């Protein structure tokens, strides 16, 4: 079975899981006070802007790399 190609039209399908994992990590490490704060931090960050662009390949990064990226900007 052939793997579907990730394009700008479908990269958004990968984001909910990445955002959920990242929000959980921010909460666990005390970087966010609640889930709403964690999600706001993520969605307003330059990291999310890169994550939603297929050409940056940020969707390929694991949670540890994404967490470090967001920690660098908060």
C-alpha atoms as a PDB file:
ATOM      1  CA  UNK A   1       0.000   0.000   0.000  1.00  0.00           C
ATOM      2  CA  UNK A   2       1.402   3.362  -1.044  1.00  0.00           C
ATOM      3  CA  UNK A   3       1.792   6.067   1.630  1.00  0.00           C
ATOM      4  CA  UNK A   4      -0.103   9.285   0.889  1.00  0.00           C
ATOM      5  CA  UNK A   5       2.078  12.281   0.119  1.00  0.00           C
ATOM      6  CA  UNK A   6       2.015  15.159   2.603  1.00  0.00           C
ATOM      7  CA  UNK A   7       1.104  18.382   0.826  1.00  0.00           C
ATOM      8  CA  UNK A   8      -0.030  21.848   1.876  1.00  0.00           C
ATOM      9  CA  UNK A   9      -3.580  20.662   1.267  1.00  0.00           C
ATOM     10  CA  UNK A  10      -3.399  17.834   3.810  1.00  0.00           C
ATOM     11  CA  UNK A  11      -0.704  18.817   6.331  1.00  0.00           C
ATOM     12  CA  UNK A  12      -3.458  20.169   8.607  1.00  0.00           C
ATOM     13  CA  UNK A  13      -4.494  16.570   9.295  1.00  0.00           C
ATOM     14  CA  UNK A  14      -1.260  16.020  11.224  1.00  0.00           C
ATOM     15  CA  UNK A  15      -1.555  19.077  13.450  1.00  0.00           C
ATOM     16  CA  UNK A  16      -4.156  18.126  16.092  1.00  0.00           C
ATOM     17  CA  UNK A  17      -2.036  15.291  17.469  1.00  0.00           C
ATOM     18  CA  UNK A  18       1.131  17.414  17.479  1.00  0.00           C
ATOM     19  CA  UNK A  19      -0.655  20.315  19.196  1.00  0.00           C
ATOM     20  CA  UNK A  20      -2.213  18.014  21.808  1.00  0.00           C
ATOM     21  CA  UNK A  21       1.149  16.445  22.644  1.00  0.00           C
ATOM     22  CA  UNK A  22       2.839  19.828  22.803  1.00  0.00           C
ATOM     23  CA  UNK A  23       0.107  21.305  25.021  1.00  0.00           C
ATOM     24  CA  UNK A  24       0.406  18.318  27.346  1.00  0.00           C
ATOM     25  CA  UNK A  25       4.167  18.784  27.563  1.00  0.00           C
ATOM     26  CA  UNK A  26       3.780  22.504  28.337  1.00  0.00           C
ATOM     27  CA  UNK A  27       1.345  21.649  31.127  1.00  0.00           C
ATOM     28  CA  UNK A  28       3.471  18.837  32.557  1.00  0.00           C
ATOM     29  CA  UNK A  29       6.556  21.018  32.682  1.00  0.00           C
ATOM     30  CA  UNK A  30       4.754  23.966  34.245  1.00  0.00           C
ATOM     31  CA  UNK A  31       5.185  26.258  31.255  1.00  0.00           C
ATOM     32  CA  UNK A  32       1.421  26.824  30.988  1.00  0.00           C
ATOM     33  CA  UNK A  33      -1.096  27.286  33.785  1.00  0.00           C
ATOM     34  CA  UNK A  34      -3.979  25.491  32.045  1.00  0.00           C
ATOM     35  CA  UNK A  35      -4.938  23.950  28.723  1.00  0.00           C
ATOM     36  CA  UNK A  36      -6.325  27.211  27.332  1.00  0.00           C
ATOM     37  CA  UNK A  37      -3.049  28.958  28.127  1.00  0.00           C
ATOM     38  CA  UNK A  38      -1.033  26.129  26.563  1.00  0.00           C
ATOM     39  CA  UNK A  39      -3.093  26.210  23.373  1.00  0.00           C
ATOM     40  CA  UNK A  40      -2.833  29.994  23.146  1.00  0.00           C
ATOM     41  CA  UNK A  41       0.933  29.748  23.543  1.00  0.00           C
ATOM     42  CA  UNK A  42       1.117  27.189  20.747  1.00  0.00           C
ATOM     43  CA  UNK A  43      -1.294  28.746  18.262  1.00  0.00           C
ATOM     44  CA  UNK A  44       0.211  32.233  18.585  1.00  0.00           C
ATOM     45  CA  UNK A  45       3.804  31.050  18.342  1.00  0.00           C
ATOM     46  CA  UNK A  46       6.099  31.176  15.328  1.00  0.00           C
ATOM     47  CA  UNK A  47       6.509  27.437  15.847  1.00  0.00           C
ATOM     48  CA  UNK A  48       2.866  26.828  14.916  1.00  0.00           C
ATOM     49  CA  UNK A  49       3.174  29.125  11.922  1.00  0.00           C
ATOM     50  CA  UNK A  50       6.028  26.932  10.708  1.00  0.00           C
ATOM     51  CA  UNK A  51       4.227  23.725  11.662  1.00  0.00           C
ATOM     52  CA  UNK A  52       1.240  24.514   9.459  1.00  0.00           C
ATOM     53  CA  UNK A  53       3.443  25.141   6.413  1.00  0.00           C
ATOM     54  CA  UNK A  54       4.288  21.893   4.643  1.00  0.00           C
ATOM     55  CA  UNK A  55       7.420  23.350   3.048  1.00  0.00           C
ATOM     56  CA  UNK A  56       9.127  23.868   6.452  1.00  0.00           C
ATOM     57  CA  UNK A  57       8.805  20.146   7.216  1.00  0.00           C
ATOM     58  CA  UNK A  58       8.150  20.996  10.891  1.00  0.00           C
ATOM     59  CA  UNK A  59       5.338  18.434  10.770  1.00  0.00           C
ATOM     60  CA  UNK A  60       8.126  15.863  10.623  1.00  0.00           C
ATOM     61  CA  UNK A  61       9.619  16.951  13.973  1.00  0.00           C
ATOM     62  CA  UNK A  62       8.951  14.937  17.103  1.00  0.00           C
ATOM     63  CA  UNK A  63       7.438  16.319  20.277  1.00  0.00           C
ATOM     64  CA  UNK A  64      10.817  16.854  21.957  1.00  0.00           C
ATOM     65  CA  UNK A  65      12.105  19.011  19.111  1.00  0.00           C
ATOM     66  CA  UNK A  66       8.851  20.970  18.893  1.00  0.00           C
ATOM     67  CA  UNK A  67       8.844  21.524  22.655  1.00  0.00           C
ATOM     68  CA  UNK A  68      12.394  22.843  22.561  1.00  0.00           C
ATOM     69  CA  UNK A  69      11.506  25.145  19.663  1.00  0.00           C
ATOM     70  CA  UNK A  70       8.550  26.611  21.529  1.00  0.00           C
ATOM     71  CA  UNK A  71      10.552  26.948  24.755  1.00  0.00           C
ATOM     72  CA  UNK A  72      13.073  29.034  22.837  1.00  0.00           C
ATOM     73  CA  UNK A  73      10.387  31.597  21.925  1.00  0.00           C
ATOM     74  CA  UNK A  74       8.367  31.822  25.138  1.00  0.00           C
END
